[in-house]
Protein backbone atom coordinates (compact mmCIF):
# COMPACT_ATOMS: atom_id res chain seq x y z
CA GLU A 1 26.74 -75.61 -11.98
CA GLY A 2 25.15 -78.01 -9.53
CA LYS A 3 28.16 -77.64 -7.22
CA ILE A 4 28.39 -76.51 -3.62
CA THR A 5 31.22 -73.98 -3.33
CA LEU A 6 33.42 -73.47 -0.29
CA VAL A 7 34.83 -69.94 -0.39
CA VAL A 8 37.72 -69.02 1.91
CA LEU A 9 38.10 -65.27 2.45
CA GLN A 10 41.62 -64.49 3.53
CA SER A 11 44.05 -61.59 3.76
CA ARG A 12 47.81 -61.15 4.18
CA THR A 13 47.34 -61.06 7.94
CA THR A 14 45.42 -64.37 7.94
CA LEU A 15 47.61 -66.25 5.47
CA GLN A 16 48.77 -68.96 7.88
CA THR A 17 45.28 -69.50 9.30
CA ALA A 18 43.91 -69.69 5.76
CA VAL A 19 46.51 -72.29 4.74
CA ASP A 20 45.44 -74.43 7.73
CA CYS A 21 41.79 -73.83 6.90
CA LYS A 22 42.15 -74.77 3.23
CA THR A 23 44.21 -77.85 4.06
CA GLU A 24 41.39 -79.04 6.35
CA LEU A 25 38.59 -78.12 3.95
CA LYS A 26 40.36 -79.75 1.01
CA LYS A 27 39.63 -83.12 2.63
CA LEU A 28 35.91 -82.35 2.36
CA THR A 29 36.17 -81.65 -1.37
CA GLN A 30 37.92 -84.99 -1.82
CA GLU A 31 35.19 -86.80 0.12
CA ASN A 32 32.29 -85.12 -1.66
CA GLN A 33 32.22 -84.81 -5.45
CA LYS A 34 29.62 -82.03 -5.31
CA VAL A 35 31.93 -79.70 -3.40
CA GLN A 36 34.42 -77.32 -5.02
CA MET A 37 36.61 -74.69 -3.43
CA ILE A 38 37.97 -71.22 -4.16
CA ALA A 39 39.97 -68.75 -2.06
CA ILE A 40 39.78 -64.96 -2.26
CA MET A 41 42.80 -63.03 -1.05
CA ASP A 42 42.01 -59.53 0.22
CA LEU A 43 44.99 -57.28 -0.49
CA ARG A 44 43.64 -53.95 0.80
CA LYS A 45 46.46 -53.76 3.30
CA ARG A 46 49.28 -54.61 0.88
CA PRO A 47 52.54 -52.70 1.28
CA PRO A 48 52.31 -49.70 -1.10
CA PHE A 49 55.58 -50.19 -2.99
CA VAL A 50 55.37 -53.90 -3.63
CA PRO A 51 54.54 -54.63 -7.30
CA LYS A 52 51.56 -56.89 -7.86
CA SER A 53 53.59 -59.56 -9.67
CA VAL A 54 56.05 -59.81 -6.76
CA LEU A 55 53.22 -60.11 -4.26
CA LYS A 56 51.51 -62.82 -6.30
CA LYS A 57 54.73 -64.89 -6.41
CA LYS A 58 55.31 -64.34 -2.69
CA ILE A 59 51.80 -65.49 -1.78
CA SER A 60 52.10 -68.58 -3.97
CA GLY A 61 55.46 -69.35 -2.35
CA GLN A 62 54.04 -69.06 1.18
CA ASP A 63 50.78 -70.84 0.45
CA PRO A 64 51.20 -74.48 -0.61
CA THR A 65 47.42 -74.81 -1.18
CA SER A 66 47.46 -72.13 -3.90
CA LYS A 67 48.64 -74.71 -6.43
CA GLU A 68 45.57 -76.91 -5.99
CA ILE A 69 42.88 -74.44 -4.98
CA PRO A 70 42.01 -71.60 -7.36
CA PHE A 71 42.52 -68.22 -5.74
CA LEU A 72 41.48 -64.76 -6.73
CA LEU A 73 43.49 -61.71 -5.72
CA ASP A 74 41.17 -58.95 -4.55
CA TRP A 75 43.46 -55.92 -4.94
CA ASP A 76 41.20 -53.26 -3.39
CA GLY A 77 39.09 -55.47 -1.12
CA ALA A 78 35.88 -54.71 -3.04
CA VAL A 79 34.95 -58.35 -3.65
CA THR A 80 35.72 -59.33 -0.07
CA LYS A 81 33.67 -56.44 1.34
CA ALA A 82 30.75 -57.23 -0.97
CA ILE A 83 30.50 -60.78 0.39
CA GLY A 84 31.03 -59.89 4.02
CA GLY A 85 34.70 -60.58 4.54
CA GLU A 86 36.86 -58.62 6.97
CA ASP A 87 40.54 -57.86 6.87
CA GLY A 88 42.21 -59.74 9.72
CA LYS A 89 39.67 -62.59 9.82
CA CYS A 90 39.72 -65.77 7.79
CA LYS A 91 36.10 -66.53 6.92
CA VAL A 92 34.49 -69.54 5.33
CA LEU A 93 31.42 -69.18 3.12
CA ILE A 94 29.33 -72.01 1.74
CA VAL A 95 27.44 -71.21 -1.44
CA ASP A 96 24.72 -73.63 -2.48
CA PRO A 97 24.11 -74.63 -6.14
CA ALA A 98 21.46 -71.88 -6.43
CA LEU A 99 24.26 -69.39 -5.51
CA ASN A 100 22.85 -68.53 -2.10
CA VAL A 101 25.29 -68.03 0.77
CA VAL A 102 24.09 -70.57 3.32
CA TYR A 103 26.96 -70.31 5.80
CA LYS A 104 29.32 -67.50 6.72
CA GLN A 105 31.56 -67.83 9.77
CA GLU A 106 35.05 -67.04 10.90
CA TYR A 107 37.23 -70.13 10.46
CA LYS A 108 37.53 -72.34 13.51
CA GLN A 109 38.82 -75.88 13.19
CA THR A 110 36.13 -77.21 15.53
CA ALA A 111 33.39 -75.88 13.25
CA ILE A 112 34.46 -78.12 10.35
CA ASP A 113 33.13 -81.29 11.98
CA SER A 114 30.29 -79.75 13.93
CA GLU A 115 28.89 -77.27 11.38
CA ILE A 116 30.43 -77.48 7.91
CA LYS A 117 30.46 -81.28 7.34
CA PRO A 118 26.79 -81.76 8.34
CA LEU A 119 25.73 -78.81 6.16
CA LEU A 120 27.60 -80.18 3.13
CA ALA A 121 26.03 -83.60 3.67
CA GLU A 122 22.57 -82.00 3.89
CA LEU A 123 23.10 -79.89 0.76
CA SER A 124 24.50 -82.87 -1.17
CA SER A 125 21.63 -85.17 -0.34
CA GLY A 126 19.11 -82.42 -1.16
CA GLN A 127 20.42 -82.32 -4.73
CA LYS A 128 19.65 -85.95 -5.55
């Protein structure tokens, strides 16, 4: 409550991009106490014979950020679809404290400084 949430929507195909994205965004959560972060992993395209437990371990092994940033496994893609994510694109959502999505874009490193940082600053100061 009272927090601004950065949501990273990722999939198996965007794992490396998402790791880069979360590593960059993590700096923003350290700079701003009002910001928290969560990642949602869309597994619609998972290989059919891979057990869920194996996949979970594999993802954690490949994603160093998964130990610090809570992540939800979206087995059928329903959650990701509901909030506008796409398989094959790593998207960043910003949810304000009133739970409105105020930003939804495909991750680009240049957007962090030009779009995301100013928006977080604006949302943070608006809460005081």
